[in-house]
N, C-alpha and C. Protein backbone atom coordinates (compact mmCIF):
# COMPACT_ATOMS: atom_id res chain seq x y z
N MET A 1 1.07 -1.15 0.26
CA MET A 1 -0.28 0.04 0.10
C MET A 1 0.89 1.10 0.07
N PRO A 2 0.71 2.34 -0.87
CA PRO A 2 1.14 3.53 -0.88
C PRO A 2 0.91 4.17 0.32
N SER A 3 1.96 5.10 0.85
CA SER A 3 1.35 5.90 1.90
C SER A 3 0.54 7.06 1.43
N LYS A 4 -0.18 7.73 2.16
CA LYS A 4 -0.87 8.86 1.92
C LYS A 4 -0.10 9.82 1.33
N LYS A 5 0.91 9.99 1.96
CA LYS A 5 2.00 11.36 1.66
C LYS A 5 2.67 11.08 0.30
N SER A 6 2.89 9.80 -0.06
CA SER A 6 3.62 9.69 -1.33
C SER A 6 2.78 8.85 -2.08
N SER A 7 1.62 9.12 -2.59
CA SER A 7 0.65 8.12 -3.41
C SER A 7 1.25 7.92 -4.58
N LEU A 8 1.95 8.49 -5.30
CA LEU A 8 2.62 8.22 -6.66
C LEU A 8 3.82 7.84 -6.66
N VAL A 9 4.43 7.54 -5.27
CA VAL A 9 5.64 6.88 -5.51
C VAL A 9 5.84 5.51 -4.68
N GLU A 10 6.68 4.60 -5.06
CA GLU A 10 6.79 3.42 -4.66
C GLU A 10 7.27 3.68 -3.19
N PRO A 11 6.54 3.04 -2.12
CA PRO A 11 7.20 3.02 -0.72
C PRO A 11 8.37 2.65 -0.55
N GLU A 12 8.86 1.96 -0.89
CA GLU A 12 10.32 1.20 -0.82
C GLU A 12 10.96 1.29 -2.45
N GLN A 13 12.27 1.75 -2.21
CA GLN A 13 13.04 1.76 -3.42
C GLN A 13 14.05 0.74 -3.46
N VAL A 14 13.79 -0.37 -3.74
CA VAL A 14 14.57 -1.52 -3.71
C VAL A 14 15.06 -2.09 -5.03
N CYS A 15 16.36 -2.10 -5.16
CA CYS A 15 16.91 -2.39 -6.65
C CYS A 15 16.76 -3.89 -6.84
N LEU A 16 16.26 -4.43 -7.98
CA LEU A 16 16.06 -5.64 -8.27
C LEU A 16 17.23 -6.37 -8.58
N GLN A 17 17.27 -7.44 -7.96
CA GLN A 17 18.45 -8.39 -8.14
C GLN A 17 18.33 -9.28 -9.33
N TRP A 18 17.27 -9.40 -10.27
CA TRP A 18 17.11 -9.87 -11.32
C TRP A 18 16.22 -9.19 -12.22
N HIS A 19 16.40 -9.82 -13.58
CA HIS A 19 15.70 -9.11 -14.29
C HIS A 19 14.68 -10.01 -15.10
N ALA A 20 13.50 -9.51 -15.01
CA ALA A 20 12.51 -10.85 -15.92
C ALA A 20 12.87 -10.61 -17.22
N PRO A 21 12.46 -11.72 -18.15
CA PRO A 21 12.87 -11.80 -19.54
C PRO A 21 11.77 -10.71 -20.16
N GLY A 22 11.84 -10.31 -21.29
CA GLY A 22 10.91 -9.35 -21.76
C GLY A 22 11.63 -8.04 -21.92
N LEU A 23 10.97 -6.95 -22.44
CA LEU A 23 11.24 -5.54 -23.11
C LEU A 23 11.67 -4.82 -21.70
N ILE A 24 12.47 -3.82 -21.80
CA ILE A 24 13.13 -2.89 -20.84
C ILE A 24 12.78 -1.52 -21.39
N ALA A 25 12.05 -0.73 -20.74
CA ALA A 25 11.83 0.60 -20.76
C ALA A 25 12.74 1.72 -19.86
N GLY A 26 13.46 2.68 -20.67
CA GLY A 26 13.81 3.85 -20.04
C GLY A 26 13.10 4.88 -19.76
N VAL A 27 13.16 5.36 -18.65
CA VAL A 27 12.12 6.80 -18.26
C VAL A 27 13.12 7.72 -17.68
N ASP A 28 12.95 8.98 -18.34
CA ASP A 28 13.78 10.01 -17.54
C ASP A 28 12.56 11.35 -17.60
N GLU A 29 13.09 12.34 -17.07
CA GLU A 29 11.95 13.64 -16.92
C GLU A 29 13.05 14.86 -17.41
N ALA A 30 12.30 15.83 -17.85
CA ALA A 30 12.81 17.22 -17.82
C ALA A 30 11.98 18.18 -17.30
N GLY A 31 12.42 19.13 -16.56
CA GLY A 31 11.57 20.14 -16.20
C GLY A 31 11.35 20.32 -14.52
N ARG A 32 11.92 19.58 -13.68
CA ARG A 32 11.74 19.73 -12.20
C ARG A 32 11.89 21.09 -11.80
N GLY A 33 12.97 21.73 -12.23
CA GLY A 33 13.56 22.88 -11.49
C GLY A 33 12.97 24.17 -12.00
N PRO A 34 12.46 24.26 -13.18
CA PRO A 34 12.06 25.69 -13.60
C PRO A 34 11.18 26.29 -13.03
N LEU A 35 10.73 27.41 -12.95
CA LEU A 35 9.70 28.20 -12.36
C LEU A 35 8.45 28.29 -13.06
N ALA A 36 8.46 27.81 -14.31
CA ALA A 36 7.09 27.85 -15.17
C ALA A 36 7.20 26.59 -16.28
N GLY A 37 5.96 26.36 -16.69
CA GLY A 37 5.82 25.45 -17.55
C GLY A 37 5.69 23.83 -17.12
N PRO A 38 5.28 22.95 -17.91
CA PRO A 38 4.81 21.78 -17.22
C PRO A 38 6.11 20.90 -17.00
N VAL A 39 6.08 19.80 -16.25
CA VAL A 39 7.20 18.70 -16.14
C VAL A 39 7.04 17.68 -17.02
N VAL A 40 7.86 17.29 -17.93
CA VAL A 40 7.82 16.31 -18.77
C VAL A 40 8.57 15.05 -18.56
N ALA A 41 8.11 13.83 -18.94
CA ALA A 41 8.54 12.51 -18.93
C ALA A 41 8.54 11.84 -20.18
N ALA A 42 9.55 10.87 -20.36
CA ALA A 42 9.42 10.09 -21.51
C ALA A 42 9.84 8.59 -21.40
N ALA A 43 9.28 7.87 -21.87
CA ALA A 43 9.50 6.36 -21.67
C ALA A 43 10.14 5.94 -23.18
N VAL A 44 10.83 4.76 -23.15
CA VAL A 44 11.49 4.65 -24.51
C VAL A 44 11.86 3.07 -24.48
N ILE A 45 11.60 2.23 -25.43
CA ILE A 45 11.76 0.88 -25.57
C ILE A 45 12.86 0.74 -26.89
N LEU A 46 13.95 0.54 -26.41
CA LEU A 46 14.91 0.58 -27.81
C LEU A 46 14.95 -0.62 -28.50
N ASP A 47 15.39 -0.66 -29.59
CA ASP A 47 15.43 -2.11 -30.48
C ASP A 47 17.01 -2.16 -30.47
N ASP A 48 17.35 -3.44 -30.13
CA ASP A 48 18.41 -3.97 -29.99
C ASP A 48 19.08 -4.07 -31.34
N LEU A 49 18.33 -4.49 -32.34
CA LEU A 49 18.70 -4.74 -33.86
C LEU A 49 18.83 -3.35 -34.47
N ASN A 50 18.47 -2.44 -33.82
CA ASN A 50 18.55 -1.01 -34.84
C ASN A 50 19.20 -0.03 -33.86
N PRO A 51 20.41 -0.21 -33.49
CA PRO A 51 21.19 0.68 -32.31
C PRO A 51 21.29 2.04 -33.06
N ILE A 52 21.11 2.92 -31.69
CA ILE A 52 21.50 4.45 -32.10
C ILE A 52 22.75 4.74 -31.37
N ALA A 53 23.79 5.29 -32.22
CA ALA A 53 24.94 5.90 -31.78
C ALA A 53 24.96 7.37 -31.10
N GLY A 54 25.82 7.33 -29.91
CA GLY A 54 25.97 8.80 -29.46
C GLY A 54 24.98 8.86 -28.32
N LEU A 55 24.16 7.97 -27.67
CA LEU A 55 23.16 8.09 -26.75
C LEU A 55 24.06 8.64 -25.34
N ALA A 56 23.56 9.68 -24.80
CA ALA A 56 24.05 10.39 -23.36
C ALA A 56 23.21 10.93 -22.93
N ASP A 57 23.46 11.12 -21.63
CA ASP A 57 22.72 12.22 -20.93
C ASP A 57 22.60 13.53 -21.59
N SER A 58 20.94 13.93 -21.78
CA SER A 58 20.87 15.11 -22.62
C SER A 58 21.40 16.34 -22.23
N LYS A 59 21.96 16.48 -20.92
CA LYS A 59 22.60 17.77 -20.53
C LYS A 59 23.90 17.56 -21.00
N LYS A 60 24.74 16.53 -21.54
CA LYS A 60 25.95 16.63 -22.05
C LYS A 60 25.90 16.76 -23.51
N LEU A 61 24.90 16.96 -23.91
CA LEU A 61 24.84 17.04 -25.74
C LEU A 61 24.51 18.53 -25.94
N THR A 62 24.87 19.04 -27.15
CA THR A 62 24.71 20.29 -27.69
C THR A 62 23.06 20.02 -28.02
N ALA A 63 22.54 21.36 -28.26
CA ALA A 63 21.11 21.37 -28.64
C ALA A 63 20.73 20.73 -30.13
N LEU A 64 21.83 20.98 -31.09
CA LEU A 64 21.74 20.63 -32.27
C LEU A 64 21.74 19.00 -32.36
N ARG A 65 22.66 18.43 -31.37
CA ARG A 65 22.92 17.00 -31.28
C ARG A 65 21.63 16.22 -30.58
N ARG A 66 20.94 17.02 -29.57
CA ARG A 66 19.74 16.51 -29.14
C ARG A 66 18.56 16.36 -30.22
N GLU A 67 18.42 17.52 -30.82
CA GLU A 67 17.49 17.67 -32.09
C GLU A 67 17.51 16.29 -32.84
N LYS A 68 18.90 16.09 -33.35
CA LYS A 68 19.04 14.96 -34.31
C LYS A 68 19.06 13.67 -33.88
N LEU A 69 19.10 13.46 -32.39
CA LEU A 69 19.03 12.24 -31.41
C LEU A 69 17.40 12.11 -31.55
N PHE A 70 17.00 13.05 -31.40
CA PHE A 70 15.25 13.11 -30.95
C PHE A 70 14.51 12.54 -32.15
N ASP A 71 14.94 12.81 -33.21
CA ASP A 71 14.35 12.19 -34.51
C ASP A 71 14.74 10.85 -34.80
N GLU A 72 16.07 10.56 -34.37
CA GLU A 72 16.44 9.35 -34.75
C GLU A 72 15.89 8.21 -33.77
N ILE A 73 15.59 8.68 -32.53
CA ILE A 73 15.07 7.69 -31.51
C ILE A 73 13.45 7.33 -31.82
N ARG A 74 12.97 8.43 -32.13
CA ARG A 74 11.78 8.32 -32.69
C ARG A 74 11.64 7.37 -33.66
N ALA A 75 12.44 7.48 -34.75
CA ALA A 75 12.48 6.34 -35.90
C ALA A 75 13.02 5.12 -35.53
N LYS A 76 13.63 4.95 -34.70
CA LYS A 76 14.33 3.54 -34.63
C LYS A 76 13.94 2.73 -33.24
N ALA A 77 13.19 3.35 -32.36
CA ALA A 77 12.82 2.89 -31.27
C ALA A 77 11.97 1.70 -31.41
N LEU A 78 11.73 1.01 -30.54
CA LEU A 78 10.52 -0.13 -30.82
C LEU A 78 9.15 0.65 -30.35
N CYS A 79 9.24 1.36 -29.54
CA CYS A 79 8.20 2.48 -29.15
C CYS A 79 8.70 3.75 -28.06
N PHE A 80 8.13 4.79 -28.14
CA PHE A 80 8.16 5.69 -27.04
C PHE A 80 6.95 6.27 -26.85
N SER A 81 6.96 7.03 -25.70
CA SER A 81 5.72 7.64 -25.29
C SER A 81 6.62 9.00 -24.48
N ILE A 82 5.72 10.33 -24.66
CA ILE A 82 6.35 11.52 -24.11
C ILE A 82 4.71 11.99 -23.38
N ALA A 83 5.02 12.38 -22.00
CA ALA A 83 3.86 12.75 -21.26
C ALA A 83 4.27 14.05 -20.45
N GLU A 84 3.19 14.57 -20.08
CA GLU A 84 3.44 15.80 -19.31
C GLU A 84 2.67 15.96 -17.97
N ALA A 85 3.02 16.54 -17.02
CA ALA A 85 2.23 17.11 -15.91
C ALA A 85 1.99 18.49 -16.01
N SER A 86 0.87 19.12 -15.76
CA SER A 86 0.68 20.52 -15.99
C SER A 86 1.17 21.22 -14.97
N VAL A 87 1.16 22.53 -15.13
CA VAL A 87 1.43 23.59 -13.81
C VAL A 87 0.46 23.37 -12.84
N GLU A 88 -0.88 23.39 -13.16
CA GLU A 88 -2.06 22.94 -12.15
C GLU A 88 -1.50 21.95 -11.40
N GLU A 89 -1.22 20.77 -12.07
CA GLU A 89 -0.99 19.75 -11.14
C GLU A 89 0.24 19.72 -10.44
N ILE A 90 1.23 20.41 -10.97
CA ILE A 90 2.28 20.52 -10.20
C ILE A 90 2.21 21.49 -8.71
N ASP A 91 1.28 22.36 -9.02
CA ASP A 91 0.87 23.29 -7.78
C ASP A 91 -0.15 22.57 -6.78
N ARG A 92 -0.92 21.64 -7.26
CA ARG A 92 -1.62 20.89 -6.57
C ARG A 92 -0.89 19.74 -5.92
N LEU A 93 -0.28 19.01 -6.33
CA LEU A 93 0.60 17.78 -5.89
C LEU A 93 1.81 17.92 -5.34
N ASN A 94 2.57 19.02 -5.75
CA ASN A 94 4.01 19.36 -5.57
C ASN A 94 4.79 18.45 -6.71
N ILE A 95 6.03 19.21 -7.00
CA ILE A 95 6.68 18.85 -7.97
C ILE A 95 7.36 17.40 -8.31
N LEU A 96 7.46 16.67 -7.06
CA LEU A 96 7.94 15.35 -6.91
C LEU A 96 6.72 14.59 -7.64
N GLN A 97 5.69 14.71 -7.01
CA GLN A 97 4.26 14.12 -7.40
C GLN A 97 3.84 14.18 -8.54
N ALA A 98 3.99 15.37 -9.16
CA ALA A 98 3.95 15.77 -10.36
C ALA A 98 4.72 14.93 -11.48
N THR A 99 6.02 14.85 -11.19
CA THR A 99 6.86 14.15 -12.00
C THR A 99 6.65 12.73 -11.90
N MET A 100 6.22 12.12 -10.78
CA MET A 100 5.54 10.73 -10.76
C MET A 100 4.57 10.27 -11.49
N LEU A 101 3.82 11.68 -11.72
CA LEU A 101 2.22 11.44 -12.77
C LEU A 101 2.80 11.37 -13.85
N ALA A 102 3.98 12.33 -14.21
CA ALA A 102 4.15 12.30 -15.86
C ALA A 102 4.89 10.98 -16.06
N MET A 103 5.57 10.53 -15.05
CA MET A 103 6.45 9.21 -15.83
C MET A 103 5.40 8.05 -15.90
N GLN A 104 4.62 8.09 -14.83
CA GLN A 104 3.39 7.05 -15.11
C GLN A 104 2.40 7.20 -16.38
N ARG A 105 2.11 8.21 -16.65
CA ARG A 105 1.56 8.55 -18.08
C ARG A 105 2.29 8.08 -19.39
N ALA A 106 3.82 8.45 -19.32
CA ALA A 106 4.72 8.04 -20.18
C ALA A 106 4.78 6.44 -20.33
N VAL A 107 4.85 5.76 -19.13
CA VAL A 107 4.80 4.53 -19.24
C VAL A 107 3.59 3.99 -19.87
N ASN A 108 2.60 4.45 -19.49
CA ASN A 108 1.34 3.87 -19.80
C ASN A 108 0.83 4.21 -21.22
N GLY A 109 1.67 5.12 -21.61
CA GLY A 109 1.47 5.45 -23.09
C GLY A 109 2.32 4.51 -23.99
N LEU A 110 3.05 3.57 -23.42
CA LEU A 110 3.93 3.04 -24.65
C LEU A 110 2.82 1.97 -25.43
N ARG A 111 3.17 1.83 -26.51
CA ARG A 111 2.39 0.85 -27.50
C ARG A 111 2.71 -0.69 -26.98
N LEU A 112 4.12 -0.92 -26.52
CA LEU A 112 4.14 -2.13 -25.93
C LEU A 112 4.37 -2.22 -24.38
N LYS A 113 4.33 -3.02 -23.82
CA LYS A 113 4.16 -3.35 -22.31
C LYS A 113 5.53 -3.76 -21.94
N PRO A 114 6.28 -3.11 -21.33
CA PRO A 114 7.65 -3.57 -20.69
C PRO A 114 7.71 -4.54 -19.49
N ALA A 115 8.57 -5.51 -19.30
CA ALA A 115 8.51 -6.41 -18.33
C ALA A 115 9.42 -5.63 -17.23
N LEU A 116 10.25 -4.61 -17.70
CA LEU A 116 11.01 -3.93 -16.50
C LEU A 116 11.14 -2.58 -16.99
N VAL A 117 10.82 -1.52 -15.92
CA VAL A 117 11.05 -0.18 -16.24
C VAL A 117 12.22 0.24 -15.42
N GLN A 118 13.49 1.10 -16.08
CA GLN A 118 14.47 1.68 -15.41
C GLN A 118 14.22 3.15 -15.57
N VAL A 119 14.34 3.64 -14.10
CA VAL A 119 14.23 5.28 -13.92
C VAL A 119 15.35 5.74 -13.61
N ASP A 120 15.58 6.86 -14.25
CA ASP A 120 16.78 7.84 -13.60
C ASP A 120 16.55 8.32 -12.38
N GLY A 121 17.29 8.15 -11.55
CA GLY A 121 17.20 8.71 -10.28
C GLY A 121 17.07 8.03 -8.74
N ASN A 122 16.36 8.29 -7.70
CA ASN A 122 16.60 7.59 -6.86
C ASN A 122 14.82 7.33 -6.43
N ARG A 123 14.10 7.59 -7.16
CA ARG A 123 12.40 7.25 -6.61
C ARG A 123 11.85 6.79 -8.01
N ILE A 124 10.94 5.94 -7.86
CA ILE A 124 10.21 5.21 -8.98
C ILE A 124 8.55 5.44 -8.82
N PRO A 125 8.00 5.60 -9.89
CA PRO A 125 6.29 5.74 -9.73
C PRO A 125 5.79 4.62 -9.62
N LEU A 126 4.56 4.48 -8.85
CA LEU A 126 3.80 3.14 -9.07
C LEU A 126 3.27 2.78 -10.31
N LEU A 127 3.76 1.63 -10.65
CA LEU A 127 3.48 0.98 -12.08
C LEU A 127 3.15 -0.40 -11.95
N GLU A 128 2.51 -1.04 -12.98
CA GLU A 128 1.98 -2.32 -12.80
C GLU A 128 3.03 -3.30 -13.01
N MET A 129 4.35 -3.05 -13.71
CA MET A 129 5.24 -3.93 -13.80
C MET A 129 6.42 -3.62 -13.02
N HIS A 130 7.53 -4.36 -12.87
CA HIS A 130 8.57 -4.21 -12.05
C HIS A 130 9.28 -2.93 -12.50
N ALA A 131 10.06 -2.16 -11.49
CA ALA A 131 10.69 -0.95 -11.77
C ALA A 131 12.10 -0.93 -11.05
N GLU A 132 13.00 -0.19 -11.35
CA GLU A 132 14.10 0.30 -10.36
C GLU A 132 14.33 1.40 -10.86
N ALA A 133 15.08 1.87 -9.87
CA ALA A 133 15.46 3.36 -9.88
C ALA A 133 17.23 3.13 -9.77
N ILE A 134 17.76 3.96 -10.94
CA ILE A 134 18.95 4.03 -11.28
C ILE A 134 19.63 5.32 -10.95
N VAL A 135 20.53 5.69 -10.38
CA VAL A 135 21.23 6.97 -10.04
C VAL A 135 22.22 7.51 -11.06
N LYS A 136 21.86 8.56 -11.62
CA LYS A 136 22.66 8.83 -12.87
C LYS A 136 22.27 7.99 -14.19
N GLY A 137 21.29 7.20 -14.07
CA GLY A 137 20.88 6.27 -15.20
C GLY A 137 20.87 6.77 -16.39
N ASP A 138 20.75 8.13 -16.56
CA ASP A 138 20.76 8.78 -18.00
C ASP A 138 21.97 8.90 -18.60
N ALA A 139 23.33 8.60 -17.73
CA ALA A 139 24.49 8.33 -18.25
C ALA A 139 25.05 6.99 -18.25
N LYS A 140 24.20 5.86 -17.77
CA LYS A 140 24.68 4.52 -17.67
C LYS A 140 23.62 3.53 -18.66
N VAL A 141 22.44 3.85 -18.68
CA VAL A 141 21.49 3.21 -19.45
C VAL A 141 21.26 3.74 -20.77
N GLN A 142 21.49 3.31 -21.85
CA GLN A 142 21.02 3.62 -23.21
C GLN A 142 19.50 4.12 -23.36
N ALA A 143 18.71 3.34 -22.73
CA ALA A 143 17.02 3.66 -23.03
C ALA A 143 16.74 4.92 -22.07
N ILE A 144 17.52 4.85 -20.80
CA ILE A 144 17.20 5.94 -20.20
C ILE A 144 17.92 7.39 -20.87
N SER A 145 18.95 7.28 -21.25
CA SER A 145 19.55 8.47 -22.34
C SER A 145 18.59 8.71 -23.27
N ALA A 146 18.03 7.81 -23.70
CA ALA A 146 17.12 8.05 -25.14
C ALA A 146 15.81 8.92 -24.36
N ALA A 147 15.32 8.36 -23.30
CA ALA A 147 14.19 9.07 -22.62
C ALA A 147 14.37 10.44 -22.31
N SER A 148 15.84 10.79 -21.77
CA SER A 148 16.16 11.92 -21.30
C SER A 148 16.09 12.94 -22.48
N ILE A 149 16.53 12.60 -23.67
CA ILE A 149 16.71 13.30 -24.80
C ILE A 149 15.38 13.88 -25.42
N LEU A 150 14.51 12.59 -25.17
CA LEU A 150 12.98 13.17 -25.83
C LEU A 150 12.47 14.13 -24.74
N ALA A 151 12.51 13.97 -23.64
CA ALA A 151 11.85 14.75 -22.53
C ALA A 151 12.55 16.12 -22.61
N LYS A 152 13.69 16.25 -22.73
CA LYS A 152 14.47 17.70 -22.74
C LYS A 152 14.06 18.25 -24.25
N VAL A 153 14.06 17.78 -25.21
CA VAL A 153 13.72 18.46 -26.61
C VAL A 153 12.00 18.95 -26.43
N HIS A 154 11.31 18.25 -26.00
CA HIS A 154 9.96 18.26 -26.00
C HIS A 154 9.81 19.45 -25.13
N ARG A 155 10.45 19.67 -23.88
CA ARG A 155 10.27 20.64 -23.11
C ARG A 155 10.72 21.89 -23.86
N ASP A 156 11.93 21.74 -24.13
CA ASP A 156 12.56 22.96 -25.01
C ASP A 156 11.67 23.63 -25.79
N ARG A 157 11.14 22.94 -26.57
CA ARG A 157 10.25 23.18 -27.89
C ARG A 157 8.91 23.90 -27.30
N TRP A 158 8.30 23.37 -26.00
CA TRP A 158 7.46 24.12 -25.22
C TRP A 158 7.84 25.32 -24.93
N CYS A 159 9.03 25.56 -24.59
CA CYS A 159 9.32 26.95 -23.94
C CYS A 159 9.49 27.76 -25.18
N GLU A 160 9.99 27.26 -26.36
CA GLU A 160 10.03 28.33 -27.49
C GLU A 160 8.75 28.67 -27.88
N ALA A 161 7.77 27.67 -28.05
CA ALA A 161 6.61 28.30 -28.32
C ALA A 161 5.61 29.12 -27.29
N PHE A 162 6.03 28.89 -26.19
CA PHE A 162 5.49 29.76 -25.03
C PHE A 162 6.25 31.34 -25.01
N ASP A 163 7.52 31.30 -25.57
CA ASP A 163 8.12 32.38 -25.90
C ASP A 163 7.44 33.30 -26.74
N ARG A 164 6.92 32.63 -27.77
CA ARG A 164 6.50 33.42 -28.77
C ARG A 164 5.05 34.16 -28.53
N ALA A 165 4.55 33.69 -27.32
CA ALA A 165 3.44 34.20 -26.70
C ALA A 165 3.58 35.16 -25.72
N TYR A 166 4.80 35.06 -25.04
CA TYR A 166 5.23 35.93 -24.26
C TYR A 166 6.66 36.32 -24.25
N PRO A 167 7.00 37.21 -25.18
CA PRO A 167 8.34 37.27 -25.70
C PRO A 167 9.19 38.00 -24.79
N ASP A 168 8.63 38.73 -23.78
CA ASP A 168 9.31 39.79 -22.78
C ASP A 168 10.00 38.85 -21.81
N TYR A 169 9.62 37.66 -21.63
CA TYR A 169 10.02 36.93 -20.63
C TYR A 169 11.47 36.08 -21.04
N GLY A 170 11.64 35.82 -22.27
CA GLY A 170 12.78 35.24 -22.51
C GLY A 170 12.95 33.76 -22.47
N PHE A 171 11.67 33.24 -22.33
CA PHE A 171 11.64 31.59 -22.28
C PHE A 171 12.70 30.76 -23.40
N ALA A 172 12.73 31.36 -24.64
CA ALA A 172 13.58 30.65 -25.33
C ALA A 172 15.09 30.77 -25.23
N ALA A 173 15.42 31.54 -24.29
CA ALA A 173 16.95 31.36 -23.81
C ALA A 173 17.01 30.52 -22.51
N HIS A 174 16.19 31.05 -21.24
CA HIS A 174 16.37 30.36 -19.85
C HIS A 174 15.54 29.11 -19.77
N LYS A 175 14.52 28.77 -20.87
CA LYS A 175 13.77 27.68 -20.58
C LYS A 175 13.11 27.63 -19.15
N GLY A 176 12.69 28.53 -18.67
CA GLY A 176 11.76 28.61 -17.51
C GLY A 176 12.88 28.43 -16.10
N TYR A 177 13.99 28.26 -16.39
CA TYR A 177 14.86 28.26 -15.09
C TYR A 177 15.08 29.62 -14.48
N GLY A 178 15.23 29.73 -13.29
CA GLY A 178 15.22 31.06 -12.59
C GLY A 178 16.62 32.00 -12.54
N THR A 179 16.82 32.34 -14.03
CA THR A 179 18.08 32.91 -14.10
C THR A 179 18.04 34.47 -13.78
N ALA A 180 18.89 35.49 -13.77
CA ALA A 180 18.74 36.50 -13.43
C ALA A 180 17.56 37.26 -14.43
N ALA A 181 17.73 37.02 -15.63
CA ALA A 181 16.82 37.78 -16.57
C ALA A 181 15.50 37.20 -16.46
N HIS A 182 15.25 36.05 -16.14
CA HIS A 182 14.06 35.45 -15.81
C HIS A 182 13.32 36.01 -14.55
N LEU A 183 14.28 36.39 -13.51
CA LEU A 183 13.72 36.80 -12.10
C LEU A 183 13.36 38.27 -12.51
N GLN A 184 14.08 39.16 -13.43
CA GLN A 184 13.77 40.48 -13.50
C GLN A 184 12.88 40.70 -14.34
N ALA A 185 12.56 39.73 -15.24
CA ALA A 185 11.19 39.94 -16.06
C ALA A 185 9.99 39.49 -15.30
N LEU A 186 10.00 38.53 -14.32
CA LEU A 186 8.91 37.93 -13.45
C LEU A 186 8.73 39.36 -12.41
N ASN A 187 9.64 40.02 -11.74
CA ASN A 187 9.44 40.74 -11.03
C ASN A 187 8.89 42.27 -11.61
N THR A 188 9.23 42.39 -12.94
CA THR A 188 8.66 43.73 -13.38
C THR A 188 7.32 43.30 -14.03
N LEU A 189 6.89 42.27 -14.49
CA LEU A 189 5.95 41.91 -15.55
C LEU A 189 4.74 41.17 -14.58
N GLY A 190 5.37 40.38 -13.69
CA GLY A 190 4.45 39.58 -12.93
C GLY A 190 4.55 38.29 -13.62
N ALA A 191 3.43 37.18 -13.03
CA ALA A 191 3.67 35.69 -13.38
C ALA A 191 2.66 35.79 -14.55
N THR A 192 3.08 34.72 -15.16
CA THR A 192 2.05 34.50 -16.60
C THR A 192 1.13 33.28 -15.83
N PRO A 193 0.37 32.67 -16.83
CA PRO A 193 -0.71 31.73 -16.34
C PRO A 193 0.15 30.36 -16.39
N GLU A 194 1.42 30.18 -16.95
CA GLU A 194 2.12 29.04 -16.78
C GLU A 194 3.26 29.15 -15.89
N HIS A 195 3.40 29.94 -14.94
CA HIS A 195 4.28 30.10 -13.86
C HIS A 195 3.69 29.20 -12.47
N ARG A 196 4.62 28.47 -12.10
CA ARG A 196 4.02 27.66 -10.91
C ARG A 196 4.00 28.42 -9.66
N ARG A 197 3.03 28.56 -9.22
CA ARG A 197 2.49 29.53 -8.03
C ARG A 197 3.10 28.97 -6.67
N THR A 198 3.36 27.70 -6.70
CA THR A 198 3.75 27.22 -5.48
C THR A 198 5.65 27.23 -5.20
N PHE A 199 5.88 27.71 -6.42
CA PHE A 199 7.61 28.31 -6.21
C PHE A 199 7.72 29.34 -5.66
N ALA A 200 8.84 29.34 -4.68
CA ALA A 200 8.85 30.54 -3.71
C ALA A 200 9.18 31.93 -4.72
N PRO A 201 9.87 32.18 -5.53
CA PRO A 201 10.00 33.06 -6.38
C PRO A 201 8.72 33.65 -7.10
N VAL A 202 7.99 32.66 -7.44
CA VAL A 202 6.68 33.15 -8.41
C VAL A 202 5.75 33.53 -7.14
N THR A 203 5.59 32.66 -5.97
CA THR A 203 4.77 33.14 -4.92
C THR A 203 4.99 34.59 -4.53
N HIS A 204 6.24 34.89 -4.48
CA HIS A 204 6.45 35.94 -3.70
C HIS A 204 6.12 37.22 -4.77
N VAL A 205 6.14 37.02 -5.80
CA VAL A 205 5.80 38.04 -6.77
C VAL A 205 4.29 38.29 -7.00
N ILE A 206 3.78 37.11 -6.92
CA ILE A 206 2.23 36.89 -7.08
C ILE A 206 1.60 38.03 -5.69
N HIS A 207 2.26 37.70 -4.60
CA HIS A 207 1.83 38.36 -3.17
C HIS A 207 2.15 39.92 -3.19
N ARG A 208 3.38 40.35 -3.83
CA ARG A 208 3.62 41.60 -4.15
C ARG A 208 2.74 42.43 -4.82
N PHE A 209 2.49 41.78 -6.15
CA PHE A 209 1.56 42.46 -6.97
C PHE A 209 0.18 42.59 -6.61
N ALA A 210 -0.26 41.52 -5.75
CA ALA A 210 -1.60 41.57 -5.16
C ALA A 210 -1.60 42.71 -4.27
N ALA A 211 -0.60 42.84 -3.25
CA ALA A 211 -0.48 44.08 -2.39
C ALA A 211 -0.50 45.43 -3.02
N GLN A 212 0.16 45.32 -4.01
CA GLN A 212 0.33 46.68 -4.77
C GLN A 212 -1.05 47.28 -5.32
N LYS A 213 -1.72 45.97 -5.91
CA LYS A 213 -3.16 46.58 -6.45
C LYS A 213 -4.19 46.69 -5.45
N ALA A 214 -4.12 46.04 -4.32
CA ALA A 214 -4.97 46.38 -2.89
C ALA A 214 -4.65 47.85 -2.40
N ALA A 215 -3.43 48.23 -2.62
CA ALA A 215 -2.86 49.55 -1.84
C ALA A 215 -3.52 50.58 -3.26
N ALA A 216 -3.53 50.46 -4.43
CA ALA A 216 -3.83 51.24 -5.38
C ALA A 216 -5.41 51.39 -5.25
N ALA A 217 -6.08 50.35 -5.06
CA ALA A 217 -7.62 50.13 -5.03
C ALA A 217 -8.04 51.19 -3.74
N THR A 218 -7.14 51.26 -2.58
CA THR A 218 -7.52 51.87 -1.25
C THR A 218 -7.24 53.29 -1.40
N ALA A 219 -6.42 53.67 -2.33
CA ALA A 219 -5.53 55.13 -2.32
C ALA A 219 -6.52 56.19 -2.64
């Protein structure tokens, strides 16, 4: 039984000592740290007969290389799935639980059912099949590397699209992270509908703008 406090996370993180025969899916996420936008997860089952050269932790690759691998993974993998948890879900559940939800959705969206799911990090979502957490798995397991690339590119593309709607915030450059430029825009312009209201810098700005509005109304 999962605890009430961690309803989307396995209660015990136990590494398996054996692997059931069958397909193995790699899972990773992108976007836990930013102040805005969804958290994205991807699940990938690679084809051993159709290898992909150059898979690595997405953070260690250039944007151009990630884009090329994104297309190659989608073309060569046995199957893949990309899923999101929204800003509303992040604010309601907290970022950890929203990440687990996005991972669940990614795994459940796979066309083929894996016998084992390998997840980057030290926590795993509640799943119907066996799963294991692998710290720094995006640098150790090719399927996790592939998932990290799909999740990263998908989220970067979301940020670039959002930048076109809100060009004064600079999302195409900072991708939602709390850079000096992002914080300056946030403090000057206020929060957009896609800012995570439970994240401290955003909460502070929302309260300050609300206080200024209230003061102006009573002046």
